Amino acid sequence: MSLNSIYDGDPNCYEELRQCWLNERRAEFIATRLQSWDLPAGASVLEIGSGTGQLLRKLSASFPAVQFFGLEPQPEYVDYSVARTTTANLHFACGKAEKAAGLFNTRFSGVLSNDVLHHVDSVPGTVASVSEIVAPVSRWLAIEPNALNPYAFLGQSLKSGEKNFRPRDYLRATRACGWSLQTHWYIFAIPPFVRATPPPWLQKLELVLERIPFVGGGVYLEIKR
């Protein structure tokens, strides 16, 4: 079974693929949201589907008082992530999101799922498992391809190992586990094949256009428990 489209077993290629403007913006956006959570020193944050650990390497350096954990089902990606870890507050484990509850003793104050829920075998199973290992007060930021965007819809429909993300299914599962929706909006008008940093005028235009539901290439949902 393919876990990550055609890049299973090739973390170097996958990390190179993700060097683009969209992922620079994604990392900046996630860091901004984490800052707004005002997590106490020693709090723990879990990323489901941490891939090659690229995002968590940045976050662990920017938030040294927070403990970051990555959960990734592909052993090659976990080994790659561990080999490139240079901060003491960054940890990785191998396993599927649906089995997260059996892999950690930590209670997480924050959860990140970045372009991963459309890959899991079961969204309800993932939500139920993750909900067992969060703190009494916790937040979850999910970012996924926006199926209302024609480019994103076709890309997820046609590529091997991909499928479209349905926010209603995710929100139904989270409500059943005691979460409540805080924000549901759209983001990323500039597609991932744009690798260079856009000129300032285009960056400003993106912030306007991405709010249109069928233009934003991604959808983000922030929930709280």
C-alpha atoms as a PDB file:
ATOM      1  CA  MET A   1       0.000   0.000   0.000  1.00  0.00           C
ATOM      2  CA  SER A   2       1.285   3.459  -0.909  1.00  0.00           C
ATOM      3  CA  LEU A   3       1.531   5.786   2.086  1.00  0.00           C
ATOM      4  CA  ASN A   4       2.900   8.856   0.372  1.00  0.00           C
ATOM      5  CA  SER A   5       2.059   8.701  -3.304  1.00  0.00           C
ATOM      6  CA  ILE A   6       5.102   7.777  -5.457  1.00  0.00           C
ATOM      7  CA  TYR A   7       7.723   8.893  -2.908  1.00  0.00           C
ATOM      8  CA  ASP A   8       7.580   5.953  -0.511  1.00  0.00           C
ATOM      9  CA  GLY A   9      11.105   5.064   0.536  1.00  0.00           C
ATOM     10  CA  ASP A  10      12.687   8.187  -0.967  1.00  0.00           C
ATOM     11  CA  PRO A  11      12.855  10.887   1.727  1.00  0.00           C
ATOM     12  CA  ASN A  12      15.540  12.902  -0.072  1.00  0.00           C
ATOM     13  CA  CYS A  13      13.367  13.294  -3.158  1.00  0.00           C
ATOM     14  CA  TYR A  14      10.284  14.075  -1.093  1.00  0.00           C
ATOM     15  CA  GLU A  15      12.013  16.780   0.927  1.00  0.00           C
ATOM     16  CA  GLU A  16      13.365  18.360  -2.259  1.00  0.00           C
ATOM     17  CA  LEU A  17       9.868  18.279  -3.759  1.00  0.00           C
ATOM     18  CA  ARG A  18       8.524  20.273  -0.821  1.00  0.00           C
ATOM     19  CA  GLN A  19      11.001  23.128  -1.258  1.00  0.00           C
ATOM     20  CA  CYS A  20       8.534  25.657  -2.623  1.00  0.00           C
ATOM     21  CA  TRP A  21       6.788  28.915  -1.763  1.00  0.00           C
ATOM     22  CA  LEU A  22       3.629  27.146  -0.558  1.00  0.00           C
ATOM     23  CA  ASN A  23       5.534  25.239   2.106  1.00  0.00           C
ATOM     24  CA  GLU A  24       7.465  28.317   3.185  1.00  0.00           C
ATOM     25  CA  ARG A  25       4.127  30.027   3.776  1.00  0.00           C
ATOM     26  CA  ARG A  26       2.715  26.937   5.449  1.00  0.00           C
ATOM     27  CA  ALA A  27       5.577  26.808   7.955  1.00  0.00           C
ATOM     28  CA  GLU A  28       5.219  30.521   8.683  1.00  0.00           C
ATOM     29  CA  PHE A  29       1.458  30.200   9.113  1.00  0.00           C
ATOM     30  CA  ILE A  30       1.773  27.241  11.489  1.00  0.00           C
ATOM     31  CA  ALA A  31       4.408  29.053  13.552  1.00  0.00           C
ATOM     32  CA  THR A  32       2.082  32.051  13.825  1.00  0.00           C
ATOM     33  CA  ARG A  33      -0.800  29.873  15.005  1.00  0.00           C
ATOM     34  CA  LEU A  34       1.439  28.119  17.553  1.00  0.00           C
ATOM     35  CA  GLN A  35       2.528  31.494  18.873  1.00  0.00           C
ATOM     36  CA  SER A  36      -1.122  32.461  19.374  1.00  0.00           C
ATOM     37  CA  TRP A  37      -1.747  29.335  21.453  1.00  0.00           C
ATOM     38  CA  ASP A  38       0.615  30.709  24.110  1.00  0.00           C
ATOM     39  CA  LEU A  39       1.747  27.240  25.172  1.00  0.00           C
ATOM     40  CA  PRO A  40       3.420  27.018  28.588  1.00  0.00           C
ATOM     41  CA  ALA A  41       7.054  25.989  28.900  1.00  0.00           C
ATOM     42  CA  GLY A  42       7.344  22.229  28.737  1.00  0.00           C
ATOM     43  CA  ALA A  43       4.140  21.756  26.712  1.00  0.00           C
ATOM     44  CA  SER A  44       4.154  19.057  24.057  1.00  0.00           C
ATOM     45  CA  VAL A  45       2.999  19.279  20.435  1.00  0.00           C
ATOM     46  CA  LEU A  46       2.408  16.284  18.173  1.00  0.00           C
ATOM     47  CA  GLU A  47       2.608  16.358  14.380  1.00  0.00           C
ATOM     48  CA  ILE A  48       0.771  13.496  12.687  1.00  0.00           C
ATOM     49  CA  GLY A  49       2.477  12.462   9.483  1.00  0.00           C
ATOM     50  CA  SER A  50       5.701  14.343  10.118  1.00  0.00           C
ATOM     51  CA  GLY A  51       7.277  13.159   6.862  1.00  0.00           C
ATOM     52  CA  THR A  52      10.966  14.015   6.704  1.00  0.00           C
ATOM     53  CA  GLY A  53      10.720  16.221   9.805  1.00  0.00           C
ATOM     54  CA  GLN A  54      11.301  19.421   7.854  1.00  0.00           C
ATOM     55  CA  LEU A  55       8.527  21.407   9.545  1.00  0.00           C
ATOM     56  CA  LEU A  56       9.336  20.186  13.052  1.00  0.00           C
ATOM     57  CA  ARG A  57      13.015  21.041  12.658  1.00  0.00           C
ATOM     58  CA  LYS A  58      11.997  24.659  12.063  1.00  0.00           C
ATOM     59  CA  LEU A  59       9.442  24.733  14.863  1.00  0.00           C
ATOM     60  CA  SER A  60      11.698  23.108  17.449  1.00  0.00           C
ATOM     61  CA  ALA A  61      14.325  25.761  16.778  1.00  0.00           C
ATOM     62  CA  SER A  62      11.783  28.596  16.985  1.00  0.00           C
ATOM     63  CA  PHE A  63      10.042  27.303  20.136  1.00  0.00           C
ATOM     64  CA  PRO A  64      12.844  25.850  22.330  1.00  0.00           C
ATOM     65  CA  ALA A  65      10.589  25.665  25.420  1.00  0.00           C
ATOM     66  CA  VAL A  66       8.121  23.331  23.676  1.00  0.00           C
ATOM     67  CA  GLN A  67       8.621  19.599  23.165  1.00  0.00           C
ATOM     68  CA  PHE A  68       7.812  18.469  19.607  1.00  0.00           C
ATOM     69  CA  PHE A  69       6.972  14.925  18.589  1.00  0.00           C
ATOM     70  CA  GLY A  70       6.585  13.602  15.051  1.00  0.00           C
ATOM     71  CA  LEU A  71       4.581  10.504  14.181  1.00  0.00           C
ATOM     72  CA  GLU A  72       5.307   9.031  10.752  1.00  0.00           C
ATOM     73  CA  PRO A  73       4.329   5.601   9.324  1.00  0.00           C
ATOM     74  CA  GLN A  74       7.299   5.206   6.956  1.00  0.00           C
ATOM     75  CA  PRO A  75      10.449   3.923   8.703  1.00  0.00           C
ATOM     76  CA  GLU A  76      12.728   5.468   6.074  1.00  0.00           C
ATOM     77  CA  TYR A  77      11.276   8.895   6.775  1.00  0.00           C
ATOM     78  CA  VAL A  78      11.645   8.444  10.532  1.00  0.00           C
ATOM     79  CA  ASP A  79      15.300   7.441  10.163  1.00  0.00           C
ATOM     80  CA  TYR A  80      15.871  10.431   7.890  1.00  0.00           C
ATOM     81  CA  SER A  81      14.202  12.752  10.424  1.00  0.00           C
ATOM     82  CA  VAL A  82      16.185  11.429  13.385  1.00  0.00           C
ATOM     83  CA  ALA A  83      19.477  11.737  11.500  1.00  0.00           C
ATOM     84  CA  ARG A  84      18.810  15.427  10.844  1.00  0.00           C
ATOM     85  CA  THR A  85      17.600  16.354  14.318  1.00  0.00           C
ATOM     86  CA  THR A  86      19.852  18.901  16.006  1.00  0.00           C
ATOM     87  CA  THR A  87      17.585  20.123  18.839  1.00  0.00           C
ATOM     88  CA  ALA A  88      16.963  18.367  22.152  1.00  0.00           C
ATOM     89  CA  ASN A  89      13.238  19.170  22.102  1.00  0.00           C
ATOM     90  CA  LEU A  90      12.471  17.147  18.956  1.00  0.00           C
ATOM     91  CA  HIS A  91      11.486  13.462  18.944  1.00  0.00           C
ATOM     92  CA  PHE A  92      10.141  11.016  16.350  1.00  0.00           C
ATOM     93  CA  ALA A  93       8.192   7.761  16.439  1.00  0.00           C
ATOM     94  CA  CYS A  94       7.179   5.337  13.729  1.00  0.00           C
ATOM     95  CA  GLY A  95       3.538   4.349  13.427  1.00  0.00           C
ATOM     96  CA  LYS A  96       0.166   5.117  11.910  1.00  0.00           C
ATOM     97  CA  ALA A  97      -2.051   7.934  13.090  1.00  0.00           C
ATOM     98  CA  GLU A  98      -4.848   5.505  13.932  1.00  0.00           C
ATOM     99  CA  LYS A  99      -2.492   3.868  16.474  1.00  0.00           C
ATOM    100  CA  ALA A 100      -1.177   7.075  18.068  1.00  0.00           C
ATOM    101  CA  ALA A 101      -2.776   6.372  21.449  1.00  0.00           C
ATOM    102  CA  GLY A 102      -0.651   3.257  21.902  1.00  0.00           C
ATOM    103  CA  LEU A 103       2.635   4.949  21.035  1.00  0.00           C
ATOM    104  CA  PHE A 104       2.890   7.899  23.435  1.00  0.00           C
ATOM    105  CA  ASN A 105       2.632   8.428  27.187  1.00  0.00           C
ATOM    106  CA  THR A 106       2.717  12.193  26.710  1.00  0.00           C
ATOM    107  CA  ARG A 107      -0.367  14.398  26.928  1.00  0.00           C
ATOM    108  CA  PHE A 108      -0.249  16.837  24.023  1.00  0.00           C
ATOM    109  CA  SER A 109      -1.407  20.433  24.300  1.00  0.00           C
ATOM    110  CA  GLY A 110      -1.242  20.867  20.530  1.00  0.00           C
ATOM    111  CA  VAL A 111      -1.723  18.674  17.466  1.00  0.00           C
ATOM    112  CA  LEU A 112      -0.676  19.452  13.899  1.00  0.00           C
ATOM    113  CA  SER A 113      -1.797  17.530  10.847  1.00  0.00           C
ATOM    114  CA  ASN A 114      -0.293  19.003   7.750  1.00  0.00           C
ATOM    115  CA  ASP A 115      -1.402  17.605   4.384  1.00  0.00           C
ATOM    116  CA  VAL A 116      -1.890  14.152   5.926  1.00  0.00           C
ATOM    117  CA  LEU A 117      -5.543  13.438   6.803  1.00  0.00           C
ATOM    118  CA  HIS A 118      -6.353  12.751   3.158  1.00  0.00           C
ATOM    119  CA  HIS A 119      -3.802   9.915   3.348  1.00  0.00           C
ATOM    120  CA  VAL A 120      -4.988   8.092   6.482  1.00  0.00           C
ATOM    121  CA  ASP A 121      -6.996   4.880   6.287  1.00  0.00           C
ATOM    122  CA  SER A 122      -9.633   6.221   8.675  1.00  0.00           C
ATOM    123  CA  VAL A 123     -10.259   9.850   9.641  1.00  0.00           C
ATOM    124  CA  PRO A 124     -12.616   8.858  12.514  1.00  0.00           C
ATOM    125  CA  GLY A 125     -10.070   6.298  13.709  1.00  0.00           C
ATOM    126  CA  THR A 126      -7.306   8.882  13.615  1.00  0.00           C
ATOM    127  CA  VAL A 127      -9.381  11.451  15.501  1.00  0.00           C
ATOM    128  CA  ALA A 128     -10.405   8.920  18.159  1.00  0.00           C
ATOM    129  CA  SER A 129      -6.834   7.746  18.712  1.00  0.00           C
ATOM    130  CA  VAL A 130      -5.321  11.224  18.885  1.00  0.00           C
ATOM    131  CA  SER A 131      -8.098  12.396  21.209  1.00  0.00           C
ATOM    132  CA  GLU A 132      -6.972   9.825  23.797  1.00  0.00           C
ATOM    133  CA  ILE A 133      -3.542  11.446  24.201  1.00  0.00           C
ATOM    134  CA  VAL A 134      -4.309  15.167  24.342  1.00  0.00           C
ATOM    135  CA  ALA A 135      -4.379  17.380  27.417  1.00  0.00           C
ATOM    136  CA  PRO A 136      -7.730  18.475  28.893  1.00  0.00           C
ATOM    137  CA  VAL A 137      -7.273  21.815  27.127  1.00  0.00           C
ATOM    138  CA  SER A 138      -5.750  21.337  23.699  1.00  0.00           C
ATOM    139  CA  ARG A 139      -5.835  22.581  20.119  1.00  0.00           C
ATOM    140  CA  TRP A 140      -5.543  20.910  16.734  1.00  0.00           C
ATOM    141  CA  LEU A 141      -4.564  22.691  13.534  1.00  0.00           C
ATOM    142  CA  ALA A 142      -5.334  20.709  10.380  1.00  0.00           C
ATOM    143  CA  ILE A 143      -4.273  21.883   6.913  1.00  0.00           C
ATOM    144  CA  GLU A 144      -5.412  19.908   3.871  1.00  0.00           C
ATOM    145  CA  PRO A 145      -5.865  20.306   0.105  1.00  0.00           C
ATOM    146  CA  ASN A 146      -9.073  22.196  -0.682  1.00  0.00           C
ATOM    147  CA  ALA A 147     -11.423  20.033  -2.744  1.00  0.00           C
ATOM    148  CA  LEU A 148     -13.355  23.163  -3.793  1.00  0.00           C
ATOM    149  CA  ASN A 149     -10.304  24.307  -5.763  1.00  0.00           C
ATOM    150  CA  PRO A 150     -10.318  22.676  -9.251  1.00  0.00           C
ATOM    151  CA  TYR A 151      -6.531  22.272  -9.374  1.00  0.00           C
ATOM    152  CA  ALA A 152      -6.404  20.665  -5.919  1.00  0.00           C
ATOM    153  CA  PHE A 153      -9.459  18.503  -6.605  1.00  0.00           C
ATOM    154  CA  LEU A 154      -8.056  17.065  -9.829  1.00  0.00           C
ATOM    155  CA  GLY A 155      -4.606  16.607  -8.334  1.00  0.00           C
ATOM    156  CA  GLN A 156      -5.934  14.599  -5.401  1.00  0.00           C
ATOM    157  CA  SER A 157      -8.344  12.649  -7.626  1.00  0.00           C
ATOM    158  CA  LEU A 158      -5.812  11.591 -10.249  1.00  0.00           C
ATOM    159  CA  LYS A 159      -2.519  11.084  -8.392  1.00  0.00           C
ATOM    160  CA  SER A 160      -1.583   7.680  -7.016  1.00  0.00           C
ATOM    161  CA  GLY A 161      -1.980   7.368  -3.252  1.00  0.00           C
ATOM    162  CA  GLU A 162      -4.091  10.526  -2.950  1.00  0.00           C
ATOM    163  CA  LYS A 163      -7.735  11.266  -2.206  1.00  0.00           C
ATOM    164  CA  ASN A 164      -9.771  14.376  -1.511  1.00  0.00           C
ATOM    165  CA  PHE A 165     -10.234  15.646   2.028  1.00  0.00           C
ATOM    166  CA  ARG A 166     -13.806  16.163   3.264  1.00  0.00           C
ATOM    167  CA  PRO A 167     -13.984  18.733   6.091  1.00  0.00           C
ATOM    168  CA  ARG A 168     -17.474  17.569   7.109  1.00  0.00           C
ATOM    169  CA  ASP A 169     -16.229  14.054   7.821  1.00  0.00           C
ATOM    170  CA  TYR A 170     -13.368  15.392   9.915  1.00  0.00           C
ATOM    171  CA  LEU A 171     -15.556  17.806  11.869  1.00  0.00           C
ATOM    172  CA  ARG A 172     -18.174  15.128  12.509  1.00  0.00           C
ATOM    173  CA  ALA A 173     -15.485  12.862  13.947  1.00  0.00           C
ATOM    174  CA  THR A 174     -13.954  15.614  16.083  1.00  0.00           C
ATOM    175  CA  ARG A 175     -17.322  16.660  17.538  1.00  0.00           C
ATOM    176  CA  ALA A 176     -17.921  13.070  18.585  1.00  0.00           C
ATOM    177  CA  CYS A 177     -14.667  13.213  20.565  1.00  0.00           C
ATOM    178  CA  GLY A 178     -15.403  16.486  22.329  1.00  0.00           C
ATOM    179  CA  TRP A 179     -13.712  18.997  20.044  1.00  0.00           C
ATOM    180  CA  SER A 180     -15.288  22.260  18.888  1.00  0.00           C
ATOM    181  CA  LEU A 181     -14.504  24.202  15.725  1.00  0.00           C
ATOM    182  CA  GLN A 182     -12.738  27.542  16.183  1.00  0.00           C
ATOM    183  CA  THR A 183     -11.796  28.448  12.599  1.00  0.00           C
ATOM    184  CA  HIS A 184     -12.502  27.003   9.138  1.00  0.00           C
ATOM    185  CA  TRP A 185     -11.007  28.976   6.260  1.00  0.00           C
ATOM    186  CA  TYR A 186      -8.999  28.835   3.022  1.00  0.00           C
ATOM    187  CA  ILE A 187      -5.331  29.494   2.300  1.00  0.00           C
ATOM    188  CA  PHE A 188      -2.594  29.240  -0.387  1.00  0.00           C
ATOM    189  CA  ALA A 189      -3.604  30.700  -3.749  1.00  0.00           C
ATOM    190  CA  ILE A 190      -0.126  30.160  -5.248  1.00  0.00           C
ATOM    191  CA  PRO A 191       0.257  26.466  -6.239  1.00  0.00           C
ATOM    192  CA  PRO A 192       3.189  24.244  -5.173  1.00  0.00           C
ATOM    193  CA  PHE A 193       4.931  24.260  -8.563  1.00  0.00           C
ATOM    194  CA  VAL A 194       5.957  27.885  -7.835  1.00  0.00           C
ATOM    195  CA  ARG A 195       9.285  27.256  -6.146  1.00  0.00           C
ATOM    196  CA  ALA A 196      10.876  30.717  -6.058  1.00  0.00           C
ATOM    197  CA  THR A 197       9.793  33.441  -3.651  1.00  0.00           C
ATOM    198  CA  PRO A 198       7.141  35.540  -5.450  1.00  0.00           C
ATOM    199  CA  PRO A 199       7.564  39.314  -5.753  1.00  0.00           C
ATOM    200  CA  PRO A 200       5.994  41.357  -2.927  1.00  0.00           C
ATOM    201  CA  TRP A 201       3.002  42.468  -5.038  1.00  0.00           C
ATOM    202  CA  LEU A 202       2.088  38.844  -5.769  1.00  0.00           C
ATOM    203  CA  GLN A 203       2.448  37.880  -2.106  1.00  0.00           C
ATOM    204  CA  LYS A 204      -0.027  40.617  -1.182  1.00  0.00           C
ATOM    205  CA  LEU A 205      -2.404  39.540  -3.949  1.00  0.00           C
ATOM    206  CA  GLU A 206      -2.292  35.947  -2.707  1.00  0.00           C
ATOM    207  CA  LEU A 207      -3.514  37.022   0.734  1.00  0.00           C
ATOM    208  CA  VAL A 208      -6.593  38.525  -0.919  1.00  0.00           C
ATOM    209  CA  LEU A 209      -7.330  35.793  -3.465  1.00  0.00           C
ATOM    210  CA  GLU A 210      -6.853  32.831  -1.161  1.00  0.00           C
ATOM    211  CA  ARG A 211      -9.915  33.806   0.876  1.00  0.00           C
ATOM    212  CA  ILE A 212     -12.127  32.915  -2.086  1.00  0.00           C
ATOM    213  CA  PRO A 213     -13.202  29.295  -1.388  1.00  0.00           C
ATOM    214  CA  PHE A 214     -12.566  27.940  -4.890  1.00  0.00           C
ATOM    215  CA  VAL A 215      -9.236  29.822  -5.265  1.00  0.00           C
ATOM    216  CA  GLY A 216      -7.460  28.820  -2.053  1.00  0.00           C
ATOM    217  CA  GLY A 217      -5.537  25.614  -2.709  1.00  0.00           C
ATOM    218  CA  GLY A 218      -5.708  24.593   0.942  1.00  0.00           C
ATOM    219  CA  VAL A 219      -8.245  24.524   3.720  1.00  0.00           C
ATOM    220  CA  TYR A 220      -7.373  24.898   7.381  1.00  0.00           C
ATOM    221  CA  LEU A 221      -9.424  24.005  10.421  1.00  0.00           C
ATOM    222  CA  GLU A 222      -8.515  24.844  13.993  1.00  0.00           C
ATOM    223  CA  ILE A 223     -10.381  23.004  16.719  1.00  0.00           C
ATOM    224  CA  LYS A 224     -10.234  23.167  20.502  1.00  0.00           C
ATOM    225  CA  ARG A 225     -10.975  20.813  23.342  1.00  0.00           C
END
